Amino acid sequence: MEYLCNYHFVWIPKYRRGISIGSVAEYIKEVLKSIAEELGCETLALEVMPDHIHLFVNCPPRYSPSYLANYFKGKSARLVLKKFPELRKYTGGKLWTRSYFVSTAGNVSSETIKKYIEEQWGKENEEN
């Protein structure tokens, strides 16, 4: 690998519905990992929370962050809604909102981001 293009993406389901649970969450993980592989990206960390997604990937520099966000969200939405069509009634027919967060990370802060993502379930339990 001759590049270090690490991107931390975060996005939410439409209306911030807590739909990413159980088999839906597991399928979302499979789909996102598969999309990353298809693009030649390395999945560094991935956490599917009930009401948001964290995806931390190292991708080839030929892809812009906006292209990656739209590709991950668009393809995953099509595949997830095909497998779980009942989700459409909770999200108005669209799985994800149009917005997303993205940040880049160098080698030093990558471990910090990875640790933060991996600790998401602990934070979720503290808030409840």
N, C-alpha and C. Protein backbone atom coordinates (compact mmCIF):
# COMPACT_ATOMS: atom_id res chain seq x y z
N MET A 1 0.85 -1.18 0.00
CA MET A 1 0.00 0.00 0.00
C MET A 1 0.89 1.24 0.00
N GLU A 2 0.61 2.14 -0.90
CA GLU A 2 1.42 3.34 -1.03
C GLU A 2 0.63 4.60 -0.70
N TYR A 3 -0.40 4.47 0.09
CA TYR A 3 -1.23 5.62 0.44
C TYR A 3 -1.82 5.41 1.83
N LEU A 4 -2.23 6.50 2.43
CA LEU A 4 -2.90 6.47 3.73
C LEU A 4 -4.05 7.46 3.67
N CYS A 5 -5.16 7.01 3.14
CA CYS A 5 -6.36 7.84 3.02
C CYS A 5 -7.44 7.24 3.91
N ASN A 6 -7.37 7.56 5.19
CA ASN A 6 -8.33 7.04 6.16
C ASN A 6 -9.48 8.01 6.31
N TYR A 7 -10.69 7.49 6.19
CA TYR A 7 -11.90 8.31 6.32
C TYR A 7 -12.82 7.70 7.38
N HIS A 8 -13.31 8.57 8.24
CA HIS A 8 -14.30 8.18 9.24
C HIS A 8 -15.64 8.77 8.81
N PHE A 9 -16.56 7.89 8.44
CA PHE A 9 -17.90 8.30 8.01
C PHE A 9 -18.91 7.99 9.11
N VAL A 10 -19.87 8.88 9.27
CA VAL A 10 -20.99 8.65 10.18
C VAL A 10 -22.24 9.10 9.45
N TRP A 11 -23.29 8.28 9.47
CA TRP A 11 -24.57 8.69 8.90
C TRP A 11 -25.70 8.03 9.67
N ILE A 12 -26.91 8.53 9.45
CA ILE A 12 -28.06 8.06 10.22
C ILE A 12 -29.20 7.61 9.31
N PRO A 13 -30.06 6.74 9.85
CA PRO A 13 -31.27 6.38 9.10
C PRO A 13 -32.22 7.58 9.03
N LYS A 14 -33.07 7.56 8.04
CA LYS A 14 -34.07 8.62 7.88
C LYS A 14 -34.89 8.72 9.17
N TYR A 15 -35.14 9.93 9.60
CA TYR A 15 -35.86 10.24 10.85
C TYR A 15 -35.17 9.70 12.09
N ARG A 16 -33.92 9.36 11.95
CA ARG A 16 -33.09 8.80 13.04
C ARG A 16 -33.78 7.64 13.75
N ARG A 17 -34.47 6.85 12.97
CA ARG A 17 -35.16 5.67 13.51
C ARG A 17 -34.12 4.65 13.97
N GLY A 18 -34.39 3.99 15.08
CA GLY A 18 -33.50 2.95 15.60
C GLY A 18 -33.76 1.62 14.93
N ILE A 19 -33.51 1.54 13.63
CA ILE A 19 -33.84 0.34 12.85
C ILE A 19 -32.68 -0.65 12.71
N SER A 20 -31.47 -0.23 13.03
CA SER A 20 -30.30 -1.08 12.80
C SER A 20 -30.06 -1.97 14.01
N ILE A 21 -30.90 -2.99 14.15
CA ILE A 21 -30.77 -3.93 15.26
C ILE A 21 -30.91 -5.35 14.75
N GLY A 22 -30.41 -6.29 15.53
CA GLY A 22 -30.56 -7.70 15.20
C GLY A 22 -30.04 -8.08 13.83
N SER A 23 -30.86 -8.80 13.08
CA SER A 23 -30.44 -9.30 11.77
C SER A 23 -30.23 -8.16 10.77
N VAL A 24 -30.96 -7.05 10.96
CA VAL A 24 -30.75 -5.89 10.08
C VAL A 24 -29.34 -5.34 10.27
N ALA A 25 -28.93 -5.18 11.52
CA ALA A 25 -27.59 -4.66 11.82
C ALA A 25 -26.51 -5.58 11.28
N GLU A 26 -26.70 -6.88 11.46
CA GLU A 26 -25.70 -7.83 10.96
C GLU A 26 -25.60 -7.77 9.44
N TYR A 27 -26.74 -7.65 8.78
CA TYR A 27 -26.72 -7.57 7.31
C TYR A 27 -26.07 -6.26 6.85
N ILE A 28 -26.34 -5.16 7.54
CA ILE A 28 -25.71 -3.88 7.19
C ILE A 28 -24.19 -4.01 7.28
N LYS A 29 -23.70 -4.67 8.33
CA LYS A 29 -22.26 -4.88 8.48
C LYS A 29 -21.70 -5.67 7.30
N GLU A 30 -22.36 -6.77 6.97
CA GLU A 30 -21.92 -7.60 5.84
C GLU A 30 -21.86 -6.77 4.56
N VAL A 31 -22.92 -6.02 4.31
CA VAL A 31 -23.02 -5.24 3.08
C VAL A 31 -21.91 -4.19 3.02
N LEU A 32 -21.70 -3.46 4.11
CA LEU A 32 -20.68 -2.40 4.11
C LEU A 32 -19.28 -2.99 3.92
N LYS A 33 -19.00 -4.12 4.55
CA LYS A 33 -17.69 -4.77 4.37
C LYS A 33 -17.52 -5.22 2.92
N SER A 34 -18.58 -5.74 2.34
CA SER A 34 -18.54 -6.19 0.95
C SER A 34 -18.32 -5.02 -0.01
N ILE A 35 -18.98 -3.90 0.25
CA ILE A 35 -18.80 -2.71 -0.59
C ILE A 35 -17.36 -2.21 -0.48
N ALA A 36 -16.83 -2.19 0.75
CA ALA A 36 -15.44 -1.75 0.95
C ALA A 36 -14.49 -2.63 0.15
N GLU A 37 -14.70 -3.91 0.21
CA GLU A 37 -13.85 -4.85 -0.54
C GLU A 37 -13.96 -4.60 -2.04
N GLU A 38 -15.17 -4.39 -2.50
CA GLU A 38 -15.40 -4.12 -3.93
C GLU A 38 -14.63 -2.89 -4.40
N LEU A 39 -14.55 -1.87 -3.55
CA LEU A 39 -13.85 -0.63 -3.89
C LEU A 39 -12.34 -0.71 -3.66
N GLY A 40 -11.87 -1.79 -3.06
CA GLY A 40 -10.45 -1.90 -2.73
C GLY A 40 -10.10 -1.15 -1.47
N CYS A 41 -11.08 -0.95 -0.60
CA CYS A 41 -10.88 -0.26 0.67
C CYS A 41 -10.68 -1.30 1.78
N GLU A 42 -9.92 -0.90 2.79
CA GLU A 42 -9.73 -1.74 3.97
C GLU A 42 -10.63 -1.21 5.08
N THR A 43 -11.47 -2.06 5.64
CA THR A 43 -12.33 -1.66 6.75
C THR A 43 -11.49 -1.69 8.02
N LEU A 44 -11.27 -0.52 8.63
CA LEU A 44 -10.47 -0.43 9.84
C LEU A 44 -11.33 -0.60 11.08
N ALA A 45 -12.55 -0.06 11.04
CA ALA A 45 -13.50 -0.22 12.14
C ALA A 45 -14.89 0.02 11.58
N LEU A 46 -15.85 -0.70 12.15
CA LEU A 46 -17.23 -0.59 11.70
C LEU A 46 -18.13 -0.87 12.88
N GLU A 47 -19.05 0.02 13.16
CA GLU A 47 -20.02 -0.20 14.22
C GLU A 47 -21.37 0.24 13.72
N VAL A 48 -22.33 -0.67 13.79
CA VAL A 48 -23.70 -0.37 13.39
C VAL A 48 -24.51 -0.20 14.66
N MET A 49 -24.81 1.05 14.97
CA MET A 49 -25.61 1.37 16.15
C MET A 49 -27.08 1.41 15.72
N PRO A 50 -28.03 1.31 16.66
CA PRO A 50 -29.44 1.33 16.25
C PRO A 50 -29.83 2.56 15.42
N ASP A 51 -29.24 3.72 15.75
CA ASP A 51 -29.66 4.95 15.04
C ASP A 51 -28.53 5.68 14.32
N HIS A 52 -27.38 5.04 14.13
CA HIS A 52 -26.32 5.62 13.31
C HIS A 52 -25.26 4.57 12.99
N ILE A 53 -24.48 4.90 11.96
CA ILE A 53 -23.43 4.00 11.46
C ILE A 53 -22.09 4.71 11.57
N HIS A 54 -21.07 4.00 12.05
CA HIS A 54 -19.69 4.47 12.02
C HIS A 54 -18.92 3.55 11.08
N LEU A 55 -18.26 4.13 10.10
CA LEU A 55 -17.44 3.36 9.17
C LEU A 55 -16.09 4.06 9.04
N PHE A 56 -15.04 3.34 9.35
CA PHE A 56 -13.68 3.88 9.28
C PHE A 56 -12.93 3.02 8.27
N VAL A 57 -12.54 3.61 7.16
CA VAL A 57 -11.93 2.87 6.06
C VAL A 57 -10.68 3.55 5.54
N ASN A 58 -9.79 2.73 4.98
CA ASN A 58 -8.63 3.23 4.26
C ASN A 58 -8.89 2.90 2.80
N CYS A 59 -9.02 3.93 1.97
CA CYS A 59 -9.41 3.74 0.57
C CYS A 59 -8.36 4.31 -0.38
N PRO A 60 -8.33 3.77 -1.59
CA PRO A 60 -7.40 4.31 -2.59
C PRO A 60 -7.69 5.79 -2.86
N PRO A 61 -6.64 6.55 -3.15
CA PRO A 61 -6.82 7.99 -3.34
C PRO A 61 -7.61 8.37 -4.59
N ARG A 62 -7.91 7.41 -5.45
CA ARG A 62 -8.70 7.74 -6.65
C ARG A 62 -10.15 8.08 -6.33
N TYR A 63 -10.60 7.75 -5.09
CA TYR A 63 -11.98 8.04 -4.70
C TYR A 63 -12.04 9.27 -3.78
N SER A 64 -12.93 10.18 -4.09
CA SER A 64 -13.13 11.34 -3.21
C SER A 64 -14.00 10.90 -2.03
N PRO A 65 -13.88 11.59 -0.90
CA PRO A 65 -14.73 11.26 0.25
C PRO A 65 -16.22 11.34 -0.08
N SER A 66 -16.64 12.31 -0.87
CA SER A 66 -18.06 12.43 -1.20
C SER A 66 -18.52 11.25 -2.06
N TYR A 67 -17.67 10.81 -3.00
CA TYR A 67 -18.01 9.64 -3.81
C TYR A 67 -18.18 8.42 -2.90
N LEU A 68 -17.23 8.22 -1.99
CA LEU A 68 -17.28 7.07 -1.10
C LEU A 68 -18.54 7.08 -0.24
N ALA A 69 -18.84 8.23 0.37
CA ALA A 69 -20.03 8.32 1.23
C ALA A 69 -21.28 7.99 0.43
N ASN A 70 -21.42 8.58 -0.74
CA ASN A 70 -22.61 8.34 -1.55
C ASN A 70 -22.67 6.90 -2.05
N TYR A 71 -21.55 6.31 -2.37
CA TYR A 71 -21.53 4.93 -2.85
C TYR A 71 -21.91 3.97 -1.72
N PHE A 72 -21.26 4.14 -0.56
CA PHE A 72 -21.57 3.26 0.59
C PHE A 72 -23.05 3.39 0.97
N LYS A 73 -23.54 4.60 1.06
CA LYS A 73 -24.92 4.81 1.48
C LYS A 73 -25.91 4.33 0.41
N GLY A 74 -25.65 4.66 -0.84
CA GLY A 74 -26.57 4.30 -1.91
C GLY A 74 -26.69 2.80 -2.12
N LYS A 75 -25.54 2.15 -2.24
CA LYS A 75 -25.57 0.71 -2.50
C LYS A 75 -26.10 -0.05 -1.29
N SER A 76 -25.68 0.35 -0.09
CA SER A 76 -26.16 -0.35 1.10
C SER A 76 -27.67 -0.17 1.26
N ALA A 77 -28.19 1.02 0.97
CA ALA A 77 -29.63 1.26 1.09
C ALA A 77 -30.40 0.34 0.14
N ARG A 78 -29.95 0.25 -1.10
CA ARG A 78 -30.63 -0.62 -2.07
C ARG A 78 -30.65 -2.07 -1.61
N LEU A 79 -29.50 -2.57 -1.16
CA LEU A 79 -29.41 -3.97 -0.75
C LEU A 79 -30.21 -4.25 0.53
N VAL A 80 -30.12 -3.35 1.50
CA VAL A 80 -30.82 -3.56 2.78
C VAL A 80 -32.33 -3.48 2.57
N LEU A 81 -32.79 -2.49 1.80
CA LEU A 81 -34.24 -2.37 1.57
C LEU A 81 -34.78 -3.52 0.71
N LYS A 82 -33.94 -4.09 -0.13
CA LYS A 82 -34.37 -5.24 -0.91
C LYS A 82 -34.59 -6.45 0.01
N LYS A 83 -33.67 -6.63 0.96
CA LYS A 83 -33.77 -7.76 1.88
C LYS A 83 -34.81 -7.52 2.98
N PHE A 84 -34.96 -6.28 3.42
CA PHE A 84 -35.90 -5.93 4.50
C PHE A 84 -36.86 -4.83 4.02
N PRO A 85 -37.76 -5.13 3.11
CA PRO A 85 -38.65 -4.09 2.56
C PRO A 85 -39.56 -3.45 3.61
N GLU A 86 -39.78 -4.13 4.71
CA GLU A 86 -40.63 -3.56 5.77
C GLU A 86 -40.03 -2.31 6.40
N LEU A 87 -38.73 -2.09 6.23
CA LEU A 87 -38.08 -0.88 6.78
C LEU A 87 -38.59 0.38 6.09
N ARG A 88 -39.07 0.26 4.87
CA ARG A 88 -39.56 1.43 4.13
C ARG A 88 -40.64 2.18 4.89
N LYS A 89 -41.50 1.46 5.61
CA LYS A 89 -42.60 2.13 6.31
C LYS A 89 -42.10 2.98 7.48
N TYR A 90 -40.92 2.68 8.01
CA TYR A 90 -40.36 3.46 9.12
C TYR A 90 -39.54 4.65 8.64
N THR A 91 -39.08 4.58 7.40
CA THR A 91 -38.15 5.60 6.91
C THR A 91 -38.67 6.35 5.69
N GLY A 92 -39.93 6.26 5.44
CA GLY A 92 -40.50 6.99 4.31
C GLY A 92 -39.98 6.54 2.96
N GLY A 93 -39.58 5.30 2.85
CA GLY A 93 -39.11 4.76 1.57
C GLY A 93 -37.62 4.89 1.34
N LYS A 94 -36.95 5.75 2.08
CA LYS A 94 -35.49 5.93 1.96
C LYS A 94 -34.86 5.40 3.24
N LEU A 95 -33.73 4.75 3.13
CA LEU A 95 -33.10 4.19 4.33
C LEU A 95 -32.29 5.23 5.10
N TRP A 96 -31.44 5.98 4.39
CA TRP A 96 -30.54 6.94 5.04
C TRP A 96 -30.96 8.37 4.74
N THR A 97 -30.55 9.29 5.61
CA THR A 97 -30.73 10.71 5.30
C THR A 97 -29.74 11.10 4.22
N ARG A 98 -29.90 12.27 3.65
CA ARG A 98 -28.96 12.73 2.62
C ARG A 98 -27.63 13.16 3.22
N SER A 99 -27.60 13.49 4.48
CA SER A 99 -26.39 14.04 5.10
C SER A 99 -25.48 12.93 5.64
N TYR A 100 -24.24 13.32 5.90
CA TYR A 100 -23.27 12.43 6.52
C TYR A 100 -22.15 13.29 7.09
N PHE A 101 -21.37 12.70 7.97
CA PHE A 101 -20.18 13.33 8.52
C PHE A 101 -18.99 12.56 7.99
N VAL A 102 -17.92 13.27 7.63
CA VAL A 102 -16.68 12.60 7.24
C VAL A 102 -15.51 13.39 7.80
N SER A 103 -14.53 12.66 8.29
CA SER A 103 -13.27 13.29 8.69
C SER A 103 -12.14 12.42 8.17
N THR A 104 -11.01 13.05 7.95
CA THR A 104 -9.83 12.30 7.54
C THR A 104 -8.98 12.08 8.77
N ALA A 105 -8.16 11.06 8.72
CA ALA A 105 -7.33 10.75 9.87
C ALA A 105 -5.96 10.33 9.41
N GLY A 106 -4.96 10.88 10.04
CA GLY A 106 -3.58 10.46 9.77
C GLY A 106 -3.27 9.23 10.59
N ASN A 107 -2.05 8.79 10.52
CA ASN A 107 -1.65 7.58 11.21
C ASN A 107 -1.77 7.70 12.72
N VAL A 108 -1.48 8.86 13.27
CA VAL A 108 -1.49 9.03 14.72
C VAL A 108 -2.91 8.97 15.27
N SER A 109 -3.86 9.68 14.65
CA SER A 109 -5.21 9.73 15.19
C SER A 109 -6.08 8.55 14.77
N SER A 110 -5.60 7.72 13.88
CA SER A 110 -6.39 6.57 13.45
C SER A 110 -6.71 5.64 14.61
N GLU A 111 -5.75 5.37 15.45
CA GLU A 111 -5.99 4.50 16.60
C GLU A 111 -7.02 5.11 17.55
N THR A 112 -6.98 6.43 17.71
CA THR A 112 -7.95 7.10 18.56
C THR A 112 -9.36 6.94 18.01
N ILE A 113 -9.52 7.12 16.72
CA ILE A 113 -10.84 6.97 16.09
C ILE A 113 -11.31 5.53 16.20
N LYS A 114 -10.41 4.59 15.94
CA LYS A 114 -10.77 3.18 16.01
C LYS A 114 -11.25 2.82 17.42
N LYS A 115 -10.53 3.28 18.42
CA LYS A 115 -10.90 3.00 19.81
C LYS A 115 -12.26 3.63 20.14
N TYR A 116 -12.48 4.85 19.68
CA TYR A 116 -13.75 5.54 19.91
C TYR A 116 -14.91 4.75 19.32
N ILE A 117 -14.74 4.27 18.08
CA ILE A 117 -15.81 3.51 17.43
C ILE A 117 -16.06 2.20 18.17
N GLU A 118 -15.00 1.52 18.55
CA GLU A 118 -15.15 0.23 19.22
C GLU A 118 -15.80 0.37 20.59
N GLU A 119 -15.71 1.56 21.20
CA GLU A 119 -16.30 1.79 22.52
C GLU A 119 -17.71 2.35 22.46
N GLN A 120 -18.31 2.42 21.28
CA GLN A 120 -19.65 3.00 21.13
C GLN A 120 -20.70 2.29 21.97
N TRP A 121 -20.66 0.99 22.04
CA TRP A 121 -21.71 0.29 22.81
C TRP A 121 -21.62 0.64 24.28
N GLY A 122 -20.44 0.85 24.81
CA GLY A 122 -20.30 1.26 26.21
C GLY A 122 -20.93 2.61 26.46
N LYS A 123 -20.75 3.55 25.52
CA LYS A 123 -21.33 4.89 25.65
C LYS A 123 -22.85 4.81 25.55
N GLU A 124 -23.35 3.95 24.67
CA GLU A 124 -24.79 3.80 24.49
C GLU A 124 -25.44 3.32 25.79
N ASN A 125 -24.78 2.38 26.47
CA ASN A 125 -25.33 1.84 27.72
C ASN A 125 -25.29 2.87 28.84
N GLU A 126 -24.28 3.74 28.85
CA GLU A 126 -24.17 4.78 29.87
C GLU A 126 -25.27 5.81 29.74
N GLU A 127 -25.71 6.09 28.50
CA GLU A 127 -26.73 7.11 28.28
C GLU A 127 -28.11 6.63 28.69
N ASN A 128 -28.34 5.33 28.72
CA ASN A 128 -29.68 4.80 29.04
C ASN A 128 -29.86 4.54 30.50
